[in-house]
C-alpha atoms as a PDB file:
ATOM      1  CA  MET A   1     -18.338  -4.507 -23.482  1.00  0.00           C
ATOM      2  CA  PRO A   2     -16.885  -1.928 -26.091  1.00  0.00           C
ATOM      3  CA  ALA A   3     -15.068  -3.669 -28.891  1.00  0.00           C
ATOM      4  CA  PRO A   4     -11.652  -1.671 -28.287  1.00  0.00           C
ATOM      5  CA  LEU A   5     -11.701  -3.001 -24.644  1.00  0.00           C
ATOM      6  CA  ALA A   6     -12.375  -6.486 -25.798  1.00  0.00           C
ATOM      7  CA  GLU A   7      -9.674  -6.309 -28.305  1.00  0.00           C
ATOM      8  CA  LEU A   8      -7.224  -4.940 -25.763  1.00  0.00           C
ATOM      9  CA  LEU A   9      -8.065  -7.665 -23.028  1.00  0.00           C
ATOM     10  CA  ALA A  10      -7.628 -10.271 -25.814  1.00  0.00           C
ATOM     11  CA  GLN A  11      -4.156  -8.926 -26.713  1.00  0.00           C
ATOM     12  CA  LEU A  12      -3.304  -8.687 -22.979  1.00  0.00           C
ATOM     13  CA  THR A  13      -4.450 -12.395 -22.192  1.00  0.00           C
ATOM     14  CA  PRO A  14      -0.990 -13.853 -21.783  1.00  0.00           C
ATOM     15  CA  LEU A  15       0.252 -11.004 -19.658  1.00  0.00           C
ATOM     16  CA  LEU A  16      -2.908 -11.284 -17.543  1.00  0.00           C
ATOM     17  CA  ARG A  17      -2.488 -14.913 -17.096  1.00  0.00           C
ATOM     18  CA  ALA A  18       1.201 -14.382 -16.013  1.00  0.00           C
ATOM     19  CA  LEU A  19      -0.013 -11.616 -13.549  1.00  0.00           C
ATOM     20  CA  ALA A  20      -2.569 -13.851 -12.086  1.00  0.00           C
ATOM     21  CA  LEU A  21      -0.206 -16.897 -11.688  1.00  0.00           C
ATOM     22  CA  ILE A  22       2.852 -14.994 -10.444  1.00  0.00           C
ATOM     23  CA  GLY A  23       0.657 -12.984  -8.047  1.00  0.00           C
ATOM     24  CA  GLY A  24      -0.942 -16.141  -6.755  1.00  0.00           C
ATOM     25  CA  ALA A  25       2.314 -17.901  -6.285  1.00  0.00           C
ATOM     26  CA  LEU A  26       3.835 -14.859  -4.541  1.00  0.00           C
ATOM     27  CA  TYR A  27       0.919 -14.650  -2.268  1.00  0.00           C
ATOM     28  CA  GLY A  28       0.024 -18.385  -1.550  1.00  0.00           C
ATOM     29  CA  GLY A  29       3.559 -19.651  -1.562  1.00  0.00           C
ATOM     30  CA  PRO A  30       4.822 -17.669   1.414  1.00  0.00           C
ATOM     31  CA  LEU A  31       1.626 -18.005   3.390  1.00  0.00           C
ATOM     32  CA  VAL A  32       1.615 -21.949   3.105  1.00  0.00           C
ATOM     33  CA  CYS A  33       5.368 -21.684   4.138  1.00  0.00           C
ATOM     34  CA  PHE A  34       4.680 -19.416   7.168  1.00  0.00           C
ATOM     35  CA  ALA A  35       1.843 -21.657   8.221  1.00  0.00           C
ATOM     36  CA  LEU A  36       4.125 -24.720   8.094  1.00  0.00           C
ATOM     37  CA  LEU A  37       6.959 -22.861   9.963  1.00  0.00           C
ATOM     38  CA  MET A  38       4.559 -21.612  12.527  1.00  0.00           C
ATOM     39  CA  ALA A  39       3.122 -24.951  13.150  1.00  0.00           C
ATOM     40  CA  ALA A  40       6.424 -26.637  13.406  1.00  0.00           C
ATOM     41  CA  ARG A  41       8.206 -23.955  15.207  1.00  0.00           C
ATOM     42  CA  ARG A  42       8.449 -25.783  18.582  1.00  0.00           C
ATOM     43  CA  GLN A  43      10.088 -28.696  16.917  1.00  0.00           C
ATOM     44  CA  ILE A  44      12.736 -26.596  15.002  1.00  0.00           C
ATOM     45  CA  PRO A  45      15.752 -25.891  17.278  1.00  0.00           C
ATOM     46  CA  HIS A  46      16.818 -22.297  17.723  1.00  0.00           C
ATOM     47  CA  LEU A  47      13.877 -20.900  15.901  1.00  0.00           C
ATOM     48  CA  PRO A  48      12.379 -18.159  17.904  1.00  0.00           C
ATOM     49  CA  THR A  49       8.548 -17.635  17.308  1.00  0.00           C
ATOM     50  CA  ALA A  50       9.076 -13.911  16.918  1.00  0.00           C
ATOM     51  CA  ALA A  51      11.565 -14.339  14.156  1.00  0.00           C
ATOM     52  CA  VAL A  52       9.043 -16.150  11.983  1.00  0.00           C
ATOM     53  CA  VAL A  53       6.459 -13.697  12.891  1.00  0.00           C
ATOM     54  CA  ARG A  54       8.512 -10.704  12.068  1.00  0.00           C
ATOM     55  CA  THR A  55       9.574 -12.311   8.766  1.00  0.00           C
ATOM     56  CA  ALA A  56       5.929 -12.782   7.814  1.00  0.00           C
ATOM     57  CA  ARG A  57       5.086  -9.213   8.941  1.00  0.00           C
ATOM     58  CA  ALA A  58       7.977  -7.847   6.790  1.00  0.00           C
ATOM     59  CA  TRP A  59       6.510  -9.638   3.718  1.00  0.00           C
ATOM     60  CA  GLY A  60       3.013  -8.099   4.496  1.00  0.00           C
ATOM     61  CA  PRO A  61       3.404  -5.399   1.695  1.00  0.00           C
ATOM     62  CA  GLY A  62       4.408  -8.094  -0.700  1.00  0.00           C
ATOM     63  CA  LEU A  63       1.454 -10.126   0.230  1.00  0.00           C
ATOM     64  CA  GLY A  64      -0.914  -7.264  -0.454  1.00  0.00           C
ATOM     65  CA  LEU A  65       0.642  -6.435  -3.764  1.00  0.00           C
ATOM     66  CA  SER A  66       0.854 -10.102  -4.874  1.00  0.00           C
ATOM     67  CA  MET A  67      -2.826 -10.635  -3.903  1.00  0.00           C
ATOM     68  CA  GLY A  68      -3.745  -7.433  -5.777  1.00  0.00           C
ATOM     69  CA  ALA A  69      -1.939  -8.637  -8.847  1.00  0.00           C
ATOM     70  CA  ALA A  70      -3.636 -12.119  -8.740  1.00  0.00           C
ATOM     71  CA  LEU A  71      -7.063 -10.663  -8.366  1.00  0.00           C
ATOM     72  CA  LEU A  72      -6.631  -7.934 -10.988  1.00  0.00           C
ATOM     73  CA  GLY A  73      -5.121 -10.492 -13.493  1.00  0.00           C
ATOM     74  CA  GLY A  74      -7.987 -12.996 -12.742  1.00  0.00           C
ATOM     75  CA  LEU A  75     -10.721 -10.461 -12.837  1.00  0.00           C
ATOM     76  CA  LEU A  76      -9.549  -8.874 -16.192  1.00  0.00           C
ATOM     77  CA  LEU A  77      -9.205 -12.347 -17.570  1.00  0.00           C
ATOM     78  CA  HIS A  78     -12.734 -13.182 -16.636  1.00  0.00           C
ATOM     79  CA  LEU A  79     -14.047  -9.872 -18.133  1.00  0.00           C
ATOM     80  CA  GLY A  80     -12.267 -10.657 -21.352  1.00  0.00           C
ATOM     81  CA  ALA A  81     -13.640 -14.050 -21.625  1.00  0.00           C
ATOM     82  CA  ARG A  82     -17.198 -13.180 -20.459  1.00  0.00           C
ATOM     83  CA  GLY A  83     -17.464  -9.570 -21.483  1.00  0.00           C
ATOM     84  CA  ARG A  84     -19.004  -8.637 -18.024  1.00  0.00           C
ATOM     85  CA  PHE A  85     -18.546  -9.436 -14.374  1.00  0.00           C
ATOM     86  CA  ALA A  86     -20.921 -12.235 -13.864  1.00  0.00           C
ATOM     87  CA  TRP A  87     -20.345 -15.869 -12.662  1.00  0.00           C
ATOM     88  CA  GLY A  88     -22.019 -19.093 -12.629  1.00  0.00           C
ATOM     89  CA  PRO A  89     -24.451 -20.918 -14.831  1.00  0.00           C
ATOM     90  CA  SER A  90     -26.817 -18.034 -15.385  1.00  0.00           C
ATOM     91  CA  SER A  91     -23.935 -16.023 -16.966  1.00  0.00           C
ATOM     92  CA  GLY A  92     -22.470 -18.572 -19.322  1.00  0.00           C
ATOM     93  CA  GLY A  93     -20.230 -20.276 -16.819  1.00  0.00           C
ATOM     94  CA  ASP A  94     -20.569 -23.451 -14.736  1.00  0.00           C
ATOM     95  CA  LEU A  95     -21.143 -24.094 -11.103  1.00  0.00           C
ATOM     96  CA  GLY A  96     -17.447 -24.855 -10.594  1.00  0.00           C
ATOM     97  CA  GLU A  97     -16.604 -21.395 -11.747  1.00  0.00           C
ATOM     98  CA  LEU A  98     -18.890 -19.874  -9.107  1.00  0.00           C
ATOM     99  CA  VAL A  99     -17.487 -22.082  -6.509  1.00  0.00           C
ATOM    100  CA  LEU A 100     -13.969 -21.018  -7.406  1.00  0.00           C
ATOM    101  CA  TRP A 101     -14.767 -17.287  -7.334  1.00  0.00           C
ATOM    102  CA  LEU A 102     -16.628 -17.774  -3.998  1.00  0.00           C
ATOM    103  CA  SER A 103     -13.521 -19.594  -2.556  1.00  0.00           C
ATOM    104  CA  ILE A 104     -11.445 -16.670  -3.766  1.00  0.00           C
ATOM    105  CA  PHE A 105     -13.627 -14.338  -1.962  1.00  0.00           C
ATOM    106  CA  VAL A 106     -13.533 -16.373   1.186  1.00  0.00           C
ATOM    107  CA  VAL A 107      -9.604 -16.289   0.844  1.00  0.00           C
ATOM    108  CA  TRP A 108      -9.881 -12.448   0.541  1.00  0.00           C
ATOM    109  CA  VAL A 109     -12.131 -12.031   3.739  1.00  0.00           C
ATOM    110  CA  SER A 110      -9.905 -14.517   5.647  1.00  0.00           C
ATOM    111  CA  ASN A 111      -6.795 -12.467   4.567  1.00  0.00           C
ATOM    112  CA  ILE A 112      -8.352  -9.239   5.901  1.00  0.00           C
ATOM    113  CA  LYS A 113      -9.109 -11.002   9.316  1.00  0.00           C
ATOM    114  CA  LEU A 114      -5.582 -12.492   9.280  1.00  0.00           C
ATOM    115  CA  GLU A 115      -3.775  -9.385   8.621  1.00  0.00           C
ATOM    116  CA  ILE A 116      -5.748  -6.981  10.842  1.00  0.00           C
ATOM    117  CA  TRP A 117      -7.347  -8.701  13.660  1.00  0.00           C
ATOM    118  CA  THR A 118      -5.534 -12.044  14.183  1.00  0.00           C
ATOM    119  CA  LEU A 119      -2.086 -10.508  13.846  1.00  0.00           C
ATOM    120  CA  GLU A 120      -2.871  -7.306  15.972  1.00  0.00           C
ATOM    121  CA  PRO A 121      -2.134  -8.893  19.502  1.00  0.00           C
ATOM    122  CA  LEU A 122       1.462  -9.855  18.102  1.00  0.00           C
ATOM    123  CA  ARG A 123       2.063  -6.452  16.909  1.00  0.00           C
ATOM    124  CA  LYS A 124       1.012  -4.950  20.204  1.00  0.00           C
ATOM    125  CA  LEU A 125       3.411  -7.436  22.016  1.00  0.00           C
ATOM    126  CA  ASP A 126       6.448  -6.705  19.676  1.00  0.00           C
ATOM    127  CA  PRO A 127       7.188  -3.061  19.674  1.00  0.00           C
ATOM    128  CA  GLY A 128      10.718  -3.576  18.171  1.00  0.00           C
ATOM    129  CA  GLY A 129      13.894  -4.167  19.649  1.00  0.00           C
ATOM    130  CA  PRO A 130      14.843  -7.555  21.009  1.00  0.00           C
ATOM    131  CA  LEU A 131      12.660 -10.443  20.015  1.00  0.00           C
ATOM    132  CA  PRO A 132       9.719 -10.907  22.303  1.00  0.00           C
ATOM    133  CA  GLU A 133       8.908 -14.093  24.109  1.00  0.00           C
ATOM    134  CA  GLY A 134       6.824 -15.464  26.989  1.00  0.00           C
ATOM    135  CA  PRO A 135       3.415 -17.057  27.434  1.00  0.00           C
ATOM    136  CA  ALA A 136       1.436 -13.951  26.251  1.00  0.00           C
ATOM    137  CA  TYR A 137       3.471 -13.794  22.947  1.00  0.00           C
ATOM    138  CA  GLU A 138       3.217 -17.503  22.466  1.00  0.00           C
ATOM    139  CA  ALA A 139      -0.532 -17.576  23.129  1.00  0.00           C
ATOM    140  CA  ALA A 140      -1.026 -14.767  20.563  1.00  0.00           C
ATOM    141  CA  ALA A 141       1.184 -16.667  18.121  1.00  0.00           C
ATOM    142  CA  ASP A 142      -0.816 -19.882  18.671  1.00  0.00           C
ATOM    143  CA  GLY A 143      -4.079 -17.919  17.832  1.00  0.00           C
ATOM    144  CA  TRP A 144      -2.359 -16.549  14.594  1.00  0.00           C
ATOM    145  CA  THR A 145      -0.979 -20.032  13.774  1.00  0.00           C
ATOM    146  CA  ARG A 146      -4.422 -21.566  13.917  1.00  0.00           C
ATOM    147  CA  HIS A 147      -5.835 -18.946  11.547  1.00  0.00           C
ATOM    148  CA  LEU A 148      -2.758 -19.190   9.310  1.00  0.00           C
ATOM    149  CA  ILE A 149      -3.229 -22.877   8.979  1.00  0.00           C
ATOM    150  CA  VAL A 150      -6.935 -22.401   8.007  1.00  0.00           C
ATOM    151  CA  HIS A 151      -5.978 -19.666   5.619  1.00  0.00           C
ATOM    152  CA  ALA A 152      -3.344 -21.928   3.989  1.00  0.00           C
ATOM    153  CA  ALA A 153      -5.901 -24.682   3.567  1.00  0.00           C
ATOM    154  CA  LEU A 154      -8.208 -22.184   1.824  1.00  0.00           C
ATOM    155  CA  ILE A 155      -5.335 -21.115  -0.426  1.00  0.00           C
ATOM    156  CA  LEU A 156      -4.606 -24.655  -1.262  1.00  0.00           C
ATOM    157  CA  ALA A 157      -8.266 -25.385  -2.118  1.00  0.00           C
ATOM    158  CA  VAL A 158      -8.264 -22.504  -4.453  1.00  0.00           C
ATOM    159  CA  GLY A 159      -5.142 -23.885  -6.051  1.00  0.00           C
ATOM    160  CA  VAL A 160      -6.659 -27.317  -6.502  1.00  0.00           C
ATOM    161  CA  GLN A 161      -9.738 -25.871  -8.066  1.00  0.00           C
ATOM    162  CA  LEU A 162      -7.630 -23.878 -10.417  1.00  0.00           C
ATOM    163  CA  ALA A 163      -5.648 -26.906 -11.372  1.00  0.00           C
ATOM    164  CA  LEU A 164      -8.849 -28.907 -11.972  1.00  0.00           C
ATOM    165  CA  ARG A 165     -10.131 -26.102 -14.373  1.00  0.00           C
ATOM    166  CA  ALA A 166      -6.994 -25.865 -16.367  1.00  0.00           C
END
């Protein structure tokens, strides 16, 4: 890596850490909360399923931007520390580092599936206007909830790995 880039990344390290941490919190926090809300929605009086889904959908651009910020910060921190994009024991890291980055990759892939395919039936059943309801909407919401719970567990697994590496 060219020396000027290495110096720049070293100077930006505190900012990159903040970017990664804030981005991760703004991404993972709401998704874990939405997973909990969706899982408990039938036990919370006067909480229509569509209200939670619409709120989650409204935060969609924020999720994309925050995930991007977390990944950008993390990748640039890694580049600054390693001097290249290489992970694991063969590149000066350890197996835990490789597992962490593979877990982040799995979260990223799960996010794509969650945002595009799993949420699509709910988008089709909610054209706007009054809150949709009924068995078809609840069935689509159940599918999204299952994926959301798995996704939240993956996010928490990444968080635990990061905490153990700190």
